[in-house]
C-alpha atoms as a PDB file:
ATOM      1  CA  MET A   1     -11.099  10.884   3.639  1.00  0.00           C
ATOM      2  CA  SER A   2      -7.832  10.824   1.751  1.00  0.00           C
ATOM      3  CA  VAL A   3      -6.218   8.107  -0.337  1.00  0.00           C
ATOM      4  CA  THR A   4      -2.650   7.262   0.625  1.00  0.00           C
ATOM      5  CA  PHE A   5       0.125   5.310  -1.067  1.00  0.00           C
ATOM      6  CA  ILE A   6       2.940   4.144   1.201  1.00  0.00           C
ATOM      7  CA  SER A   7       6.216   2.556   0.176  1.00  0.00           C
ATOM      8  CA  HIS A   8       6.586   0.402   3.263  1.00  0.00           C
ATOM      9  CA  GLY A   9      10.257  -0.591   2.923  1.00  0.00           C
ATOM     10  CA  ALA A  10      11.798  -3.424   4.928  1.00  0.00           C
ATOM     11  CA  PRO A  11      10.090  -4.882   8.032  1.00  0.00           C
ATOM     12  CA  THR A  12      12.740  -3.124  10.159  1.00  0.00           C
ATOM     13  CA  VAL A  13      10.839   0.114   9.462  1.00  0.00           C
ATOM     14  CA  ALA A  14       8.557  -1.020  12.303  1.00  0.00           C
ATOM     15  CA  LEU A  15      11.336  -0.206  14.781  1.00  0.00           C
ATOM     16  CA  ALA A  16      12.810   2.820  12.998  1.00  0.00           C
ATOM     17  CA  ASP A  17      12.773   6.426  14.195  1.00  0.00           C
ATOM     18  CA  ASP A  18      13.941   8.530  11.265  1.00  0.00           C
ATOM     19  CA  ASP A  19      12.720  11.188   8.826  1.00  0.00           C
ATOM     20  CA  TYR A  20      10.565   8.649   6.965  1.00  0.00           C
ATOM     21  CA  VAL A  21       8.850   7.510  10.160  1.00  0.00           C
ATOM     22  CA  HIS A  22       8.331  11.097  11.309  1.00  0.00           C
ATOM     23  CA  ALA A  23       6.678  11.904   7.960  1.00  0.00           C
ATOM     24  CA  LEU A  24       4.300   8.963   8.380  1.00  0.00           C
ATOM     25  CA  ARG A  25       3.432  10.055  11.904  1.00  0.00           C
ATOM     26  CA  ARG A  26       2.612  13.569  10.728  1.00  0.00           C
ATOM     27  CA  HIS A  27       0.367  12.250   7.962  1.00  0.00           C
ATOM     28  CA  GLY A  28      -1.232   9.805  10.365  1.00  0.00           C
ATOM     29  CA  ALA A  29      -2.873  12.672  12.236  1.00  0.00           C
ATOM     30  CA  SER A  30      -5.260  13.001   9.285  1.00  0.00           C
ATOM     31  CA  LEU A  31      -6.332   9.366   9.715  1.00  0.00           C
ATOM     32  CA  GLN A  32      -7.346   9.608  13.354  1.00  0.00           C
ATOM     33  CA  GLY A  33     -10.887  10.644  12.435  1.00  0.00           C
ATOM     34  CA  ALA A  34     -11.378   7.770  10.008  1.00  0.00           C
ATOM     35  CA  ARG A  35     -14.221   5.307  10.554  1.00  0.00           C
ATOM     36  CA  ALA A  36     -11.904   2.607   9.265  1.00  0.00           C
ATOM     37  CA  ILE A  37      -8.948   2.030   6.931  1.00  0.00           C
ATOM     38  CA  VAL A  38      -9.072  -0.267   3.900  1.00  0.00           C
ATOM     39  CA  VAL A  39      -5.618  -1.467   2.847  1.00  0.00           C
ATOM     40  CA  VAL A  40      -4.329  -3.139  -0.322  1.00  0.00           C
ATOM     41  CA  SER A  41      -0.921  -4.637   0.497  1.00  0.00           C
ATOM     42  CA  ALA A  42       1.765  -6.004  -1.801  1.00  0.00           C
ATOM     43  CA  HIS A  43       2.061  -8.984   0.520  1.00  0.00           C
ATOM     44  CA  TRP A  44      -1.373 -10.495   0.071  1.00  0.00           C
ATOM     45  CA  GLU A  45      -1.683 -12.170  -3.302  1.00  0.00           C
ATOM     46  CA  THR A  46      -4.029 -15.104  -3.786  1.00  0.00           C
ATOM     47  CA  SER A  47      -4.065 -17.928  -6.299  1.00  0.00           C
ATOM     48  CA  LYS A  48      -7.843 -17.638  -6.500  1.00  0.00           C
ATOM     49  CA  ALA A  49      -9.294 -15.479  -9.259  1.00  0.00           C
ATOM     50  CA  ALA A  50     -10.925 -13.260  -6.654  1.00  0.00           C
ATOM     51  CA  TRP A  51     -10.249 -10.190  -4.544  1.00  0.00           C
ATOM     52  CA  LEU A  52     -10.547 -11.412  -0.950  1.00  0.00           C
ATOM     53  CA  VAL A  53     -11.412  -9.220   2.036  1.00  0.00           C
ATOM     54  CA  THR A  54     -10.517  -9.783   5.700  1.00  0.00           C
ATOM     55  CA  GLY A  55     -13.700 -10.486   7.610  1.00  0.00           C
ATOM     56  CA  ALA A  56     -12.338 -11.170  11.106  1.00  0.00           C
ATOM     57  CA  ALA A  57     -13.413  -8.953  13.979  1.00  0.00           C
ATOM     58  CA  ARG A  58      -9.955  -9.334  15.562  1.00  0.00           C
ATOM     59  CA  PRO A  59      -7.385  -9.958  12.811  1.00  0.00           C
ATOM     60  CA  GLU A  60      -4.062 -11.303  14.037  1.00  0.00           C
ATOM     61  CA  THR A  61      -0.681  -9.674  13.384  1.00  0.00           C
ATOM     62  CA  VAL A  62       1.103 -11.743  10.732  1.00  0.00           C
ATOM     63  CA  HIS A  63       4.916 -11.832  10.846  1.00  0.00           C
ATOM     64  CA  ASP A  64       5.377 -12.862   7.219  1.00  0.00           C
ATOM     65  CA  PHE A  65       9.156 -12.426   6.985  1.00  0.00           C
ATOM     66  CA  GLY A  66      12.280 -14.233   8.108  1.00  0.00           C
ATOM     67  CA  GLY A  67      15.835 -13.557   9.226  1.00  0.00           C
ATOM     68  CA  PHE A  68      15.237 -10.449  11.291  1.00  0.00           C
ATOM     69  CA  ALA A  69      15.786  -9.573  14.952  1.00  0.00           C
ATOM     70  CA  ARG A  70      13.633 -11.359  17.491  1.00  0.00           C
ATOM     71  CA  GLU A  71      12.040  -8.133  18.680  1.00  0.00           C
ATOM     72  CA  LEU A  72      10.297  -7.721  15.297  1.00  0.00           C
ATOM     73  CA  TYR A  73       8.449 -10.997  15.835  1.00  0.00           C
ATOM     74  CA  GLU A  74       7.273  -9.833  19.248  1.00  0.00           C
ATOM     75  CA  LEU A  75       5.500  -6.774  17.862  1.00  0.00           C
ATOM     76  CA  GLU A  76       1.719  -6.817  17.698  1.00  0.00           C
ATOM     77  CA  TYR A  77      -0.680  -4.441  15.985  1.00  0.00           C
ATOM     78  CA  PRO A  78      -4.038  -5.153  17.660  1.00  0.00           C
ATOM     79  CA  ALA A  79      -6.297  -3.012  15.463  1.00  0.00           C
ATOM     80  CA  PRO A  80      -9.853  -4.370  15.279  1.00  0.00           C
ATOM     81  CA  GLY A  81     -11.437  -5.483  12.059  1.00  0.00           C
ATOM     82  CA  GLN A  82     -14.863  -4.345  10.901  1.00  0.00           C
ATOM     83  CA  PRO A  83     -16.944  -7.233   9.470  1.00  0.00           C
ATOM     84  CA  GLU A  84     -19.756  -4.909   8.364  1.00  0.00           C
ATOM     85  CA  LEU A  85     -17.352  -2.829   6.283  1.00  0.00           C
ATOM     86  CA  ALA A  86     -15.766  -5.993   4.876  1.00  0.00           C
ATOM     87  CA  ALA A  87     -19.168  -7.090   3.612  1.00  0.00           C
ATOM     88  CA  GLU A  88     -19.692  -3.621   2.101  1.00  0.00           C
ATOM     89  CA  VAL A  89     -16.343  -3.875   0.295  1.00  0.00           C
ATOM     90  CA  VAL A  90     -17.335  -7.257  -1.146  1.00  0.00           C
ATOM     91  CA  ALA A  91     -20.618  -5.778  -2.364  1.00  0.00           C
ATOM     92  CA  LEU A  92     -18.889  -2.794  -4.001  1.00  0.00           C
ATOM     93  CA  LEU A  93     -16.427  -5.053  -5.777  1.00  0.00           C
ATOM     94  CA  GLY A  94     -19.196  -7.321  -6.990  1.00  0.00           C
ATOM     95  CA  ALA A  95     -21.140  -4.359  -8.322  1.00  0.00           C
ATOM     96  CA  SER A  96     -18.030  -3.349 -10.289  1.00  0.00           C
ATOM     97  CA  GLY A  97     -17.693  -6.772 -11.858  1.00  0.00           C
ATOM     98  CA  LEU A  98     -14.750  -7.859  -9.697  1.00  0.00           C
ATOM     99  CA  ARG A  99     -15.219 -11.316  -8.222  1.00  0.00           C
ATOM    100  CA  SER A 100     -14.682 -11.124  -4.467  1.00  0.00           C
ATOM    101  CA  GLY A 101     -15.315 -12.868  -1.158  1.00  0.00           C
ATOM    102  CA  LEU A 102     -14.575 -12.817   2.564  1.00  0.00           C
ATOM    103  CA  ASP A 103     -11.600 -14.450   4.264  1.00  0.00           C
ATOM    104  CA  GLN A 104     -12.409 -14.942   7.938  1.00  0.00           C
ATOM    105  CA  GLU A 105      -8.957 -16.298   8.848  1.00  0.00           C
ATOM    106  CA  ARG A 106      -6.538 -13.875   7.237  1.00  0.00           C
ATOM    107  CA  GLY A 107      -4.667 -11.474   9.522  1.00  0.00           C
ATOM    108  CA  LEU A 108      -2.749  -8.263   8.818  1.00  0.00           C
ATOM    109  CA  ASP A 109       0.539  -8.856   6.978  1.00  0.00           C
ATOM    110  CA  HIS A 110       3.565  -6.614   7.447  1.00  0.00           C
ATOM    111  CA  GLY A 111       2.647  -4.517   4.422  1.00  0.00           C
ATOM    112  CA  VAL A 112      -0.389  -3.496   6.472  1.00  0.00           C
ATOM    113  CA  TRP A 113       0.744  -3.285  10.074  1.00  0.00           C
ATOM    114  CA  VAL A 114       4.285  -1.942   9.656  1.00  0.00           C
ATOM    115  CA  PRO A 115       3.228   1.414   8.129  1.00  0.00           C
ATOM    116  CA  LEU A 116       0.092   1.562  10.289  1.00  0.00           C
ATOM    117  CA  ARG A 117       2.270   1.189  13.372  1.00  0.00           C
ATOM    118  CA  HIS A 118       3.528   4.695  12.572  1.00  0.00           C
ATOM    119  CA  LEU A 119       0.439   6.143  10.896  1.00  0.00           C
ATOM    120  CA  VAL A 120      -1.960   5.067  13.664  1.00  0.00           C
ATOM    121  CA  PRO A 121       0.257   3.969  16.580  1.00  0.00           C
ATOM    122  CA  ALA A 122      -2.680   3.519  18.963  1.00  0.00           C
ATOM    123  CA  ALA A 123      -4.138   0.822  16.666  1.00  0.00           C
ATOM    124  CA  ASN A 124      -7.565   2.252  17.487  1.00  0.00           C
ATOM    125  CA  VAL A 125      -8.948   2.561  13.931  1.00  0.00           C
ATOM    126  CA  PRO A 126     -10.524  -0.602  12.431  1.00  0.00           C
ATOM    127  CA  VAL A 127      -8.595  -2.129   9.521  1.00  0.00           C
ATOM    128  CA  VAL A 128      -9.873  -4.194   6.596  1.00  0.00           C
ATOM    129  CA  ALA A 129      -7.389  -5.629   4.079  1.00  0.00           C
ATOM    130  CA  VAL A 130      -8.040  -6.551   0.439  1.00  0.00           C
ATOM    131  CA  SER A 131      -5.992  -9.081  -1.509  1.00  0.00           C
ATOM    132  CA  MET A 132      -4.869  -9.029  -5.122  1.00  0.00           C
ATOM    133  CA  PRO A 133      -5.269 -12.161  -7.273  1.00  0.00           C
ATOM    134  CA  ARG A 134      -1.976 -13.210  -8.845  1.00  0.00           C
ATOM    135  CA  ARG A 135      -3.568 -13.146 -12.272  1.00  0.00           C
ATOM    136  CA  ARG A 136      -4.602  -9.542 -12.653  1.00  0.00           C
ATOM    137  CA  THR A 137      -4.092  -6.669 -15.032  1.00  0.00           C
ATOM    138  CA  PRO A 138      -3.026  -3.129 -14.113  1.00  0.00           C
ATOM    139  CA  GLU A 139      -6.393  -1.919 -15.339  1.00  0.00           C
ATOM    140  CA  GLU A 140      -8.176  -4.232 -12.891  1.00  0.00           C
ATOM    141  CA  VAL A 141      -6.185  -2.773  -9.996  1.00  0.00           C
ATOM    142  CA  VAL A 142      -7.215   0.740 -11.049  1.00  0.00           C
ATOM    143  CA  ARG A 143     -10.790  -0.545 -11.228  1.00  0.00           C
ATOM    144  CA  LEU A 144     -10.438  -1.822  -7.671  1.00  0.00           C
ATOM    145  CA  GLY A 145      -9.586   1.694  -6.536  1.00  0.00           C
ATOM    146  CA  ARG A 146     -12.496   3.212  -8.411  1.00  0.00           C
ATOM    147  CA  ALA A 147     -14.873   0.623  -6.965  1.00  0.00           C
ATOM    148  CA  LEU A 148     -13.872   1.501  -3.396  1.00  0.00           C
ATOM    149  CA  ALA A 149     -13.602   5.285  -3.869  1.00  0.00           C
ATOM    150  CA  PRO A 150     -17.193   5.880  -2.617  1.00  0.00           C
ATOM    151  CA  LEU A 151     -16.091   4.673   0.831  1.00  0.00           C
ATOM    152  CA  ARG A 152     -14.143   7.913   1.187  1.00  0.00           C
ATOM    153  CA  ASP A 153     -17.436   9.794   1.504  1.00  0.00           C
ATOM    154  CA  ASP A 154     -18.364   7.590   4.454  1.00  0.00           C
ATOM    155  CA  GLY A 155     -15.264   8.287   6.519  1.00  0.00           C
ATOM    156  CA  VAL A 156     -13.151   5.384   5.288  1.00  0.00           C
ATOM    157  CA  ALA A 157      -9.497   6.049   4.446  1.00  0.00           C
ATOM    158  CA  LEU A 158      -7.954   4.032   1.600  1.00  0.00           C
ATOM    159  CA  LEU A 159      -4.331   2.914   1.687  1.00  0.00           C
ATOM    160  CA  GLY A 160      -2.133   1.197  -0.898  1.00  0.00           C
ATOM    161  CA  SER A 161       1.055  -0.293   0.600  1.00  0.00           C
ATOM    162  CA  GLY A 162       3.900  -1.339  -1.667  1.00  0.00           C
ATOM    163  CA  GLY A 163       6.832   0.409  -3.353  1.00  0.00           C
ATOM    164  CA  VAL A 164       7.325   2.302  -6.607  1.00  0.00           C
ATOM    165  CA  VAL A 165      10.835   0.926  -7.208  1.00  0.00           C
ATOM    166  CA  HIS A 166      11.326  -2.493  -5.643  1.00  0.00           C
ATOM    167  CA  ASN A 167      14.058  -4.822  -6.900  1.00  0.00           C
ATOM    168  CA  LEU A 168      15.516  -6.760  -3.973  1.00  0.00           C
ATOM    169  CA  GLY A 169      18.209  -8.298  -6.149  1.00  0.00           C
ATOM    170  CA  LEU A 170      19.799  -4.909  -6.819  1.00  0.00           C
ATOM    171  CA  LEU A 171      19.732  -3.429  -3.315  1.00  0.00           C
ATOM    172  CA  ALA A 172      22.906  -2.360  -1.536  1.00  0.00           C
ATOM    173  CA  TRP A 173      22.148  -4.508   1.504  1.00  0.00           C
ATOM    174  CA  GLY A 174      23.833  -3.214   4.651  1.00  0.00           C
ATOM    175  CA  ASP A 175      24.336   0.292   3.261  1.00  0.00           C
ATOM    176  CA  ASP A 176      21.216   2.356   3.874  1.00  0.00           C
ATOM    177  CA  GLY A 177      22.960   5.472   2.589  1.00  0.00           C
ATOM    178  CA  ALA A 178      24.189   3.995  -0.693  1.00  0.00           C
ATOM    179  CA  PRO A 179      23.969   6.283  -3.752  1.00  0.00           C
ATOM    180  CA  VAL A 180      20.704   6.121  -5.701  1.00  0.00           C
ATOM    181  CA  PRO A 181      21.277   4.704  -9.192  1.00  0.00           C
ATOM    182  CA  ASP A 182      19.977   6.794 -12.080  1.00  0.00           C
ATOM    183  CA  TRP A 183      17.558   4.105 -13.251  1.00  0.00           C
ATOM    184  CA  ALA A 184      15.799   4.019  -9.871  1.00  0.00           C
ATOM    185  CA  HIS A 185      15.616   7.793  -9.578  1.00  0.00           C
ATOM    186  CA  ASP A 186      14.304   8.173 -13.133  1.00  0.00           C
ATOM    187  CA  PHE A 187      11.503   5.632 -12.775  1.00  0.00           C
ATOM    188  CA  ASP A 188      10.417   6.950  -9.378  1.00  0.00           C
ATOM    189  CA  ALA A 189      10.317  10.527 -10.680  1.00  0.00           C
ATOM    190  CA  TRP A 190       8.269   9.478 -13.708  1.00  0.00           C
ATOM    191  CA  ALA A 191       5.764   7.504 -11.602  1.00  0.00           C
ATOM    192  CA  VAL A 192       5.307  10.361  -9.128  1.00  0.00           C
ATOM    193  CA  GLU A 193       4.626  12.873 -11.891  1.00  0.00           C
ATOM    194  CA  ARG A 194       2.131  10.564 -13.611  1.00  0.00           C
ATOM    195  CA  ALA A 195       0.455  10.014 -10.232  1.00  0.00           C
ATOM    196  CA  ARG A 196       0.298  13.772  -9.674  1.00  0.00           C
ATOM    197  CA  ALA A 197      -1.556  14.060 -12.988  1.00  0.00           C
ATOM    198  CA  LEU A 198      -3.832  11.139 -11.982  1.00  0.00           C
ATOM    199  CA  ASP A 199      -2.723   9.566 -15.254  1.00  0.00           C
ATOM    200  CA  ALA A 200      -3.867   6.006 -14.618  1.00  0.00           C
ATOM    201  CA  GLU A 201      -3.486   5.093 -18.281  1.00  0.00           C
ATOM    202  CA  ALA A 202       0.219   5.963 -18.338  1.00  0.00           C
ATOM    203  CA  LEU A 203       0.836   4.225 -15.021  1.00  0.00           C
ATOM    204  CA  CYS A 204      -0.873   1.087 -16.330  1.00  0.00           C
ATOM    205  CA  GLY A 205       1.454   1.218 -19.338  1.00  0.00           C
ATOM    206  CA  PHE A 206       4.577   1.469 -17.166  1.00  0.00           C
ATOM    207  CA  ARG A 207       6.340  -1.281 -19.135  1.00  0.00           C
ATOM    208  CA  SER A 208       6.962   1.260 -21.885  1.00  0.00           C
ATOM    209  CA  HIS A 209       9.270   3.194 -19.544  1.00  0.00           C
ATOM    210  CA  HIS A 210      12.899   2.416 -20.369  1.00  0.00           C
ATOM    211  CA  GLU A 211      13.786   1.586 -16.738  1.00  0.00           C
ATOM    212  CA  ALA A 212      10.711  -0.516 -15.908  1.00  0.00           C
ATOM    213  CA  ARG A 213      12.544  -3.828 -16.275  1.00  0.00           C
ATOM    214  CA  LEU A 214      14.881  -2.918 -13.421  1.00  0.00           C
ATOM    215  CA  ALA A 215      12.434  -0.901 -11.323  1.00  0.00           C
ATOM    216  CA  VAL A 216       9.465  -3.291 -11.462  1.00  0.00           C
ATOM    217  CA  PRO A 217      10.677  -6.861 -12.020  1.00  0.00           C
ATOM    218  CA  SER A 218       7.346  -8.022 -10.545  1.00  0.00           C
ATOM    219  CA  THR A 219       4.243  -5.916 -10.012  1.00  0.00           C
ATOM    220  CA  GLU A 220       2.992  -6.739  -6.511  1.00  0.00           C
ATOM    221  CA  HIS A 221       4.657  -3.660  -4.941  1.00  0.00           C
ATOM    222  CA  TYR A 222       3.886  -1.296  -7.825  1.00  0.00           C
ATOM    223  CA  ASP A 223       0.203  -2.202  -8.093  1.00  0.00           C
ATOM    224  CA  PRO A 224      -0.893  -0.569  -4.789  1.00  0.00           C
ATOM    225  CA  LEU A 225       0.040   2.749  -6.435  1.00  0.00           C
ATOM    226  CA  LEU A 226      -2.453   1.943  -9.200  1.00  0.00           C
ATOM    227  CA  PHE A 227      -5.070   1.250  -6.527  1.00  0.00           C
ATOM    228  CA  ALA A 228      -4.437   4.641  -4.923  1.00  0.00           C
ATOM    229  CA  VAL A 229      -4.566   6.536  -8.220  1.00  0.00           C
ATOM    230  CA  GLY A 230      -7.732   4.660  -9.154  1.00  0.00           C
ATOM    231  CA  ALA A 231      -9.362   5.731  -5.888  1.00  0.00           C
ATOM    232  CA  ALA A 232      -8.374   9.370  -6.400  1.00  0.00           C
ATOM    233  CA  ARG A 233     -10.857  11.677  -8.084  1.00  0.00           C
ATOM    234  CA  ALA A 234     -10.719  14.488 -10.589  1.00  0.00           C
ATOM    235  CA  GLY A 235      -9.956  17.585  -8.575  1.00  0.00           C
ATOM    236  CA  ASP A 236      -7.880  15.775  -5.960  1.00  0.00           C
ATOM    237  CA  THR A 237      -4.419  17.191  -5.411  1.00  0.00           C
ATOM    238  CA  MET A 238      -1.386  15.067  -4.596  1.00  0.00           C
ATOM    239  CA  GLN A 239       0.797  15.669  -1.555  1.00  0.00           C
ATOM    240  CA  GLU A 240       4.285  14.210  -1.275  1.00  0.00           C
ATOM    241  CA  ILE A 241       4.422  12.774   2.226  1.00  0.00           C
ATOM    242  CA  TYR A 242       7.970  11.514   1.787  1.00  0.00           C
ATOM    243  CA  ARG A 243      10.503  11.112  -1.033  1.00  0.00           C
ATOM    244  CA  GLY A 244      13.729   9.179  -0.644  1.00  0.00           C
ATOM    245  CA  PHE A 245      15.524   5.873  -1.104  1.00  0.00           C
ATOM    246  CA  SER A 246      16.866   3.162   1.145  1.00  0.00           C
ATOM    247  CA  PHE A 247      19.697   0.698   0.422  1.00  0.00           C
ATOM    248  CA  GLY A 248      20.414   2.495  -2.831  1.00  0.00           C
ATOM    249  CA  SER A 249      17.439   1.757  -5.056  1.00  0.00           C
ATOM    250  CA  LEU A 250      14.528   0.964  -2.703  1.00  0.00           C
ATOM    251  CA  ALA A 251      12.108   3.859  -3.202  1.00  0.00           C
ATOM    252  CA  MET A 252      10.408   5.001   0.005  1.00  0.00           C
ATOM    253  CA  THR A 253       7.963   7.293  -1.846  1.00  0.00           C
ATOM    254  CA  CYS A 254       4.749   8.081   0.035  1.00  0.00           C
ATOM    255  CA  LEU A 255       1.905  10.091  -1.516  1.00  0.00           C
ATOM    256  CA  ALA A 256      -1.541  11.283  -0.494  1.00  0.00           C
ATOM    257  CA  PHE A 257      -4.487  12.299  -2.677  1.00  0.00           C
ATOM    258  CA  GLY A 258      -7.360  14.410  -1.484  1.00  0.00           C
END
């Protein structure tokens, strides 16, 4: 199975019908044969020094956002969980020296279900989510990807959900067609080319890029890209599923490795 990185954008993407959504739907056809999907989302960080894994057989849909239209809060994504796979993920992480455990209560946050609503609209592929501890290094996130890469050989698709350029304070709110500032374009282009080269070392050292301070003020949305690159293998080629920006500087970059 492939490894996918999705820039999931705003929660309103769940109700969109545009070029970005159409690109996700086309890519989603390749996920229909998956045994399950393991997702690392920007929106599940834990204070515990552990990588937690959803263990529920029927994870709930979590509406972890505020201030949007009522219809967003009425959406459900009823994909089943897969407790056996969750236990396998915990074992793989432990074998790689990453402290981990099961969370039987956690549901699927919008970083998981919003893109999956378009990738797998039938919600018929089991989903297991993995958290990121707040205290982590970029190298540990790459290690997470490498630890879970063997699942690809067993029919499990891996998905990182975040955003390459994600600075909410600098968005042109209300103007989805606002011009893309040079700093956002430059950082996104650099990250995509380093991802194409599977250059995990350069991506981990992103702070050396001259636009990193603006593009990545905090790392929770950038780190799922490190997970995806870590799970890719030598010989994998990168496909650009979608390239573009929303609200000026919000990168909607989506990539696949396989």
